[in-house]
């Protein structure tokens, strides 16, 4: 064989091995679905199912606080603006308060043998059994009251 033919054969072998001899590595990633919104949800809006969707997400990167079930978010109030594509977190949402800050509420006064009702302005949000401050509309006095129902608080004397 001539030197040129040997060079061509060696070059061909080198090209063949460099093209076809390579290692392949892969990593399996388990996916899960997380909840996000389809359209922007503003702070204070109530989440409804028609505005939710599920997206695939790498399971190993899903923090504990991410919502993975749509039903867990439906009916909750947004504590911040939520953009489409953002994964919903439990700390972005809360149950809608039974008494809303600055809303007019019914105040029930329970005195042994007497039950009085009046109106007040809630100075805080509150859920059932929360103790909140309210301002009596007639007297402008600040009272401490217990949330007992939707837009109703109770003062015990």
C-alpha atoms as a PDB file:
ATOM      1  CA  UNK A   1       0.000   0.000   0.000  1.00  0.00           C
ATOM      2  CA  UNK A   2       1.057   3.438  -0.649  1.00  0.00           C
ATOM      3  CA  UNK A   3       1.408   6.049   2.062  1.00  0.00           C
ATOM      4  CA  UNK A   4      -1.519   8.074   0.706  1.00  0.00           C
ATOM      5  CA  UNK A   5      -3.807   5.058   0.756  1.00  0.00           C
ATOM      6  CA  UNK A   6      -2.787   4.303   4.378  1.00  0.00           C
ATOM      7  CA  UNK A   7      -3.509   7.915   5.329  1.00  0.00           C
ATOM      8  CA  UNK A   8      -6.931   7.759   3.667  1.00  0.00           C
ATOM      9  CA  UNK A   9      -7.803   4.518   5.479  1.00  0.00           C
ATOM     10  CA  UNK A  10      -6.631   5.894   8.859  1.00  0.00           C
ATOM     11  CA  UNK A  11      -8.459   9.156   8.269  1.00  0.00           C
ATOM     12  CA  UNK A  12     -11.617   7.224   7.315  1.00  0.00           C
ATOM     13  CA  UNK A  13     -11.391   5.117  10.480  1.00  0.00           C
ATOM     14  CA  UNK A  14     -10.861   8.249  12.604  1.00  0.00           C
ATOM     15  CA  UNK A  15     -13.855  10.002  11.041  1.00  0.00           C
ATOM     16  CA  UNK A  16     -16.013   6.882  11.409  1.00  0.00           C
ATOM     17  CA  UNK A  17     -15.136   6.435  15.099  1.00  0.00           C
ATOM     18  CA  UNK A  18     -15.545  10.106  15.916  1.00  0.00           C
ATOM     19  CA  UNK A  19     -18.992  10.206  14.281  1.00  0.00           C
ATOM     20  CA  UNK A  20     -20.416   6.921  15.532  1.00  0.00           C
ATOM     21  CA  UNK A  21     -18.633   6.349  18.832  1.00  0.00           C
ATOM     22  CA  UNK A  22     -20.094   8.700  21.377  1.00  0.00           C
ATOM     23  CA  UNK A  23     -21.672   8.249  24.752  1.00  0.00           C
ATOM     24  CA  UNK A  24     -25.254   9.058  25.457  1.00  0.00           C
ATOM     25  CA  UNK A  25     -26.460  10.022  28.903  1.00  0.00           C
ATOM     26  CA  UNK A  26     -30.017  10.616  29.981  1.00  0.00           C
ATOM     27  CA  UNK A  27     -31.818  11.386  33.202  1.00  0.00           C
ATOM     28  CA  UNK A  28     -35.398  10.439  33.890  1.00  0.00           C
ATOM     29  CA  UNK A  29     -37.418  13.233  35.459  1.00  0.00           C
ATOM     30  CA  UNK A  30     -40.714  12.431  37.080  1.00  0.00           C
ATOM     31  CA  UNK A  31     -43.355  15.000  36.173  1.00  0.00           C
ATOM     32  CA  UNK A  32     -46.349  16.147  38.175  1.00  0.00           C
ATOM     33  CA  UNK A  33     -49.084  18.638  37.473  1.00  0.00           C
ATOM     34  CA  UNK A  34     -49.369  21.912  39.342  1.00  0.00           C
ATOM     35  CA  UNK A  35     -52.147  24.489  39.320  1.00  0.00           C
ATOM     36  CA  UNK A  36     -51.797  27.861  37.624  1.00  0.00           C
ATOM     37  CA  UNK A  37     -54.208  30.533  36.404  1.00  0.00           C
ATOM     38  CA  UNK A  38     -55.266  31.112  32.793  1.00  0.00           C
ATOM     39  CA  UNK A  39     -55.755  34.872  33.188  1.00  0.00           C
ATOM     40  CA  UNK A  40     -54.352  37.373  35.679  1.00  0.00           C
ATOM     41  CA  UNK A  41     -55.989  37.213  39.102  1.00  0.00           C
ATOM     42  CA  UNK A  42     -55.852  40.444  41.080  1.00  0.00           C
ATOM     43  CA  UNK A  43     -55.397  40.753  44.821  1.00  0.00           C
ATOM     44  CA  UNK A  44     -58.791  40.246  46.485  1.00  0.00           C
ATOM     45  CA  UNK A  45     -60.317  38.250  43.608  1.00  0.00           C
ATOM     46  CA  UNK A  46     -61.965  34.920  44.368  1.00  0.00           C
ATOM     47  CA  UNK A  47     -60.477  31.957  42.478  1.00  0.00           C
ATOM     48  CA  UNK A  48     -62.933  30.020  40.309  1.00  0.00           C
ATOM     49  CA  UNK A  49     -62.342  26.721  38.535  1.00  0.00           C
ATOM     50  CA  UNK A  50     -62.841  28.177  35.036  1.00  0.00           C
ATOM     51  CA  UNK A  51     -59.716  30.325  35.524  1.00  0.00           C
ATOM     52  CA  UNK A  52     -57.472  27.432  36.584  1.00  0.00           C
ATOM     53  CA  UNK A  53     -55.423  24.966  34.573  1.00  0.00           C
ATOM     54  CA  UNK A  54     -52.847  22.267  35.249  1.00  0.00           C
ATOM     55  CA  UNK A  55     -49.304  22.424  33.871  1.00  0.00           C
ATOM     56  CA  UNK A  56     -46.559  19.777  33.894  1.00  0.00           C
ATOM     57  CA  UNK A  57     -43.700  20.453  36.282  1.00  0.00           C
ATOM     58  CA  UNK A  58     -40.578  18.591  37.368  1.00  0.00           C
ATOM     59  CA  UNK A  59     -41.669  16.753  40.533  1.00  0.00           C
ATOM     60  CA  UNK A  60     -38.297  17.126  42.245  1.00  0.00           C
ATOM     61  CA  UNK A  61     -38.566  20.938  41.965  1.00  0.00           C
ATOM     62  CA  UNK A  62     -42.095  21.275  43.366  1.00  0.00           C
ATOM     63  CA  UNK A  63     -41.975  22.957  46.789  1.00  0.00           C
ATOM     64  CA  UNK A  64     -44.313  21.800  49.542  1.00  0.00           C
ATOM     65  CA  UNK A  65     -46.511  24.913  49.302  1.00  0.00           C
ATOM     66  CA  UNK A  66     -47.429  24.425  45.600  1.00  0.00           C
ATOM     67  CA  UNK A  67     -51.065  23.526  44.912  1.00  0.00           C
ATOM     68  CA  UNK A  68     -51.454  20.359  42.826  1.00  0.00           C
ATOM     69  CA  UNK A  69     -55.240  19.941  43.040  1.00  0.00           C
ATOM     70  CA  UNK A  70     -57.550  22.570  41.498  1.00  0.00           C
ATOM     71  CA  UNK A  71     -60.247  21.974  44.108  1.00  0.00           C
ATOM     72  CA  UNK A  72     -57.844  23.153  46.825  1.00  0.00           C
ATOM     73  CA  UNK A  73     -57.802  26.648  45.271  1.00  0.00           C
ATOM     74  CA  UNK A  74     -61.436  27.115  44.204  1.00  0.00           C
ATOM     75  CA  UNK A  75     -63.301  29.666  46.314  1.00  0.00           C
ATOM     76  CA  UNK A  76     -60.190  31.127  47.943  1.00  0.00           C
ATOM     77  CA  UNK A  77     -59.224  34.802  47.838  1.00  0.00           C
ATOM     78  CA  UNK A  78     -55.971  35.954  46.223  1.00  0.00           C
ATOM     79  CA  UNK A  79     -53.610  37.716  48.632  1.00  0.00           C
ATOM     80  CA  UNK A  80     -51.541  39.079  45.730  1.00  0.00           C
ATOM     81  CA  UNK A  81     -51.714  39.509  41.977  1.00  0.00           C
ATOM     82  CA  UNK A  82     -51.160  36.159  40.234  1.00  0.00           C
ATOM     83  CA  UNK A  83     -49.990  36.047  36.612  1.00  0.00           C
ATOM     84  CA  UNK A  84     -50.725  33.248  34.135  1.00  0.00           C
ATOM     85  CA  UNK A  85     -48.110  30.511  34.328  1.00  0.00           C
ATOM     86  CA  UNK A  86     -47.226  31.186  37.980  1.00  0.00           C
ATOM     87  CA  UNK A  87     -47.613  28.083  40.107  1.00  0.00           C
ATOM     88  CA  UNK A  88     -50.269  28.656  42.756  1.00  0.00           C
ATOM     89  CA  UNK A  89     -49.005  28.442  46.307  1.00  0.00           C
ATOM     90  CA  UNK A  90     -51.094  28.073  49.443  1.00  0.00           C
ATOM     91  CA  UNK A  91     -49.522  31.242  50.857  1.00  0.00           C
ATOM     92  CA  UNK A  92     -50.849  33.248  47.868  1.00  0.00           C
ATOM     93  CA  UNK A  93     -54.441  32.437  48.886  1.00  0.00           C
ATOM     94  CA  UNK A  94     -56.733  32.494  51.904  1.00  0.00           C
ATOM     95  CA  UNK A  95     -60.313  31.723  52.701  1.00  0.00           C
ATOM     96  CA  UNK A  96     -62.608  34.637  51.974  1.00  0.00           C
ATOM     97  CA  UNK A  97     -63.149  36.472  55.268  1.00  0.00           C
ATOM     98  CA  UNK A  98     -66.640  36.360  56.802  1.00  0.00           C
ATOM     99  CA  UNK A  99     -66.129  39.989  57.793  1.00  0.00           C
ATOM    100  CA  UNK A 100     -64.177  42.302  55.499  1.00  0.00           C
ATOM    101  CA  UNK A 101     -62.111  45.268  56.617  1.00  0.00           C
ATOM    102  CA  UNK A 102     -64.008  48.594  56.311  1.00  0.00           C
ATOM    103  CA  UNK A 103     -67.306  46.794  55.644  1.00  0.00           C
ATOM    104  CA  UNK A 104     -70.463  47.584  57.616  1.00  0.00           C
ATOM    105  CA  UNK A 105     -71.348  44.699  59.942  1.00  0.00           C
ATOM    106  CA  UNK A 106     -74.202  43.877  62.280  1.00  0.00           C
ATOM    107  CA  UNK A 107     -73.157  44.006  65.930  1.00  0.00           C
ATOM    108  CA  UNK A 108     -75.079  41.840  68.375  1.00  0.00           C
ATOM    109  CA  UNK A 109     -74.767  42.862  72.044  1.00  0.00           C
ATOM    110  CA  UNK A 110     -75.483  40.063  74.479  1.00  0.00           C
ATOM    111  CA  UNK A 111     -76.283  41.248  77.981  1.00  0.00           C
ATOM    112  CA  UNK A 112     -78.073  38.858  80.329  1.00  0.00           C
ATOM    113  CA  UNK A 113     -81.754  39.166  79.501  1.00  0.00           C
ATOM    114  CA  UNK A 114     -81.222  41.719  76.708  1.00  0.00           C
ATOM    115  CA  UNK A 115     -80.164  41.368  73.074  1.00  0.00           C
ATOM    116  CA  UNK A 116     -79.351  44.566  71.168  1.00  0.00           C
ATOM    117  CA  UNK A 117     -78.281  45.038  67.580  1.00  0.00           C
ATOM    118  CA  UNK A 118     -76.489  47.931  65.894  1.00  0.00           C
ATOM    119  CA  UNK A 119     -74.125  48.587  63.034  1.00  0.00           C
ATOM    120  CA  UNK A 120     -70.375  49.058  63.041  1.00  0.00           C
ATOM    121  CA  UNK A 121     -67.500  49.332  60.626  1.00  0.00           C
ATOM    122  CA  UNK A 122     -65.061  46.413  60.704  1.00  0.00           C
ATOM    123  CA  UNK A 123     -61.506  47.604  61.254  1.00  0.00           C
ATOM    124  CA  UNK A 124     -60.054  44.177  60.391  1.00  0.00           C
ATOM    125  CA  UNK A 125     -60.820  41.125  58.276  1.00  0.00           C
ATOM    126  CA  UNK A 126     -62.093  38.148  60.239  1.00  0.00           C
ATOM    127  CA  UNK A 127     -63.042  34.493  59.950  1.00  0.00           C
ATOM    128  CA  UNK A 128     -65.542  32.673  62.188  1.00  0.00           C
ATOM    129  CA  UNK A 129     -64.534  32.902  65.877  1.00  0.00           C
ATOM    130  CA  UNK A 130     -61.829  35.530  65.210  1.00  0.00           C
ATOM    131  CA  UNK A 131     -61.690  38.445  67.615  1.00  0.00           C
ATOM    132  CA  UNK A 132     -61.581  41.715  65.653  1.00  0.00           C
ATOM    133  CA  UNK A 133     -61.940  45.439  66.282  1.00  0.00           C
ATOM    134  CA  UNK A 134     -65.034  47.267  65.049  1.00  0.00           C
ATOM    135  CA  UNK A 135     -66.057  50.922  65.259  1.00  0.00           C
ATOM    136  CA  UNK A 136     -69.635  51.597  66.370  1.00  0.00           C
ATOM    137  CA  UNK A 137     -71.184  53.911  63.761  1.00  0.00           C
ATOM    138  CA  UNK A 138     -73.470  55.731  66.242  1.00  0.00           C
ATOM    139  CA  UNK A 139     -70.930  56.347  69.024  1.00  0.00           C
ATOM    140  CA  UNK A 140     -67.595  56.049  67.152  1.00  0.00           C
ATOM    141  CA  UNK A 141     -66.390  53.776  69.973  1.00  0.00           C
ATOM    142  CA  UNK A 142     -63.899  51.046  69.131  1.00  0.00           C
ATOM    143  CA  UNK A 143     -65.141  47.648  70.322  1.00  0.00           C
ATOM    144  CA  UNK A 144     -63.627  44.185  70.400  1.00  0.00           C
ATOM    145  CA  UNK A 145     -66.013  41.640  68.906  1.00  0.00           C
ATOM    146  CA  UNK A 146     -66.135  37.991  67.902  1.00  0.00           C
ATOM    147  CA  UNK A 147     -67.044  37.036  64.320  1.00  0.00           C
ATOM    148  CA  UNK A 148     -70.099  34.755  64.519  1.00  0.00           C
ATOM    149  CA  UNK A 149     -71.463  34.761  60.946  1.00  0.00           C
ATOM    150  CA  UNK A 150     -71.166  36.462  57.562  1.00  0.00           C
ATOM    151  CA  UNK A 151     -70.984  40.232  58.286  1.00  0.00           C
ATOM    152  CA  UNK A 152     -72.067  39.666  61.907  1.00  0.00           C
ATOM    153  CA  UNK A 153     -70.054  40.120  65.089  1.00  0.00           C
ATOM    154  CA  UNK A 154     -70.956  39.622  68.724  1.00  0.00           C
ATOM    155  CA  UNK A 155     -69.986  41.714  71.754  1.00  0.00           C
ATOM    156  CA  UNK A 156     -70.374  40.172  75.189  1.00  0.00           C
ATOM    157  CA  UNK A 157     -70.495  42.433  78.223  1.00  0.00           C
END
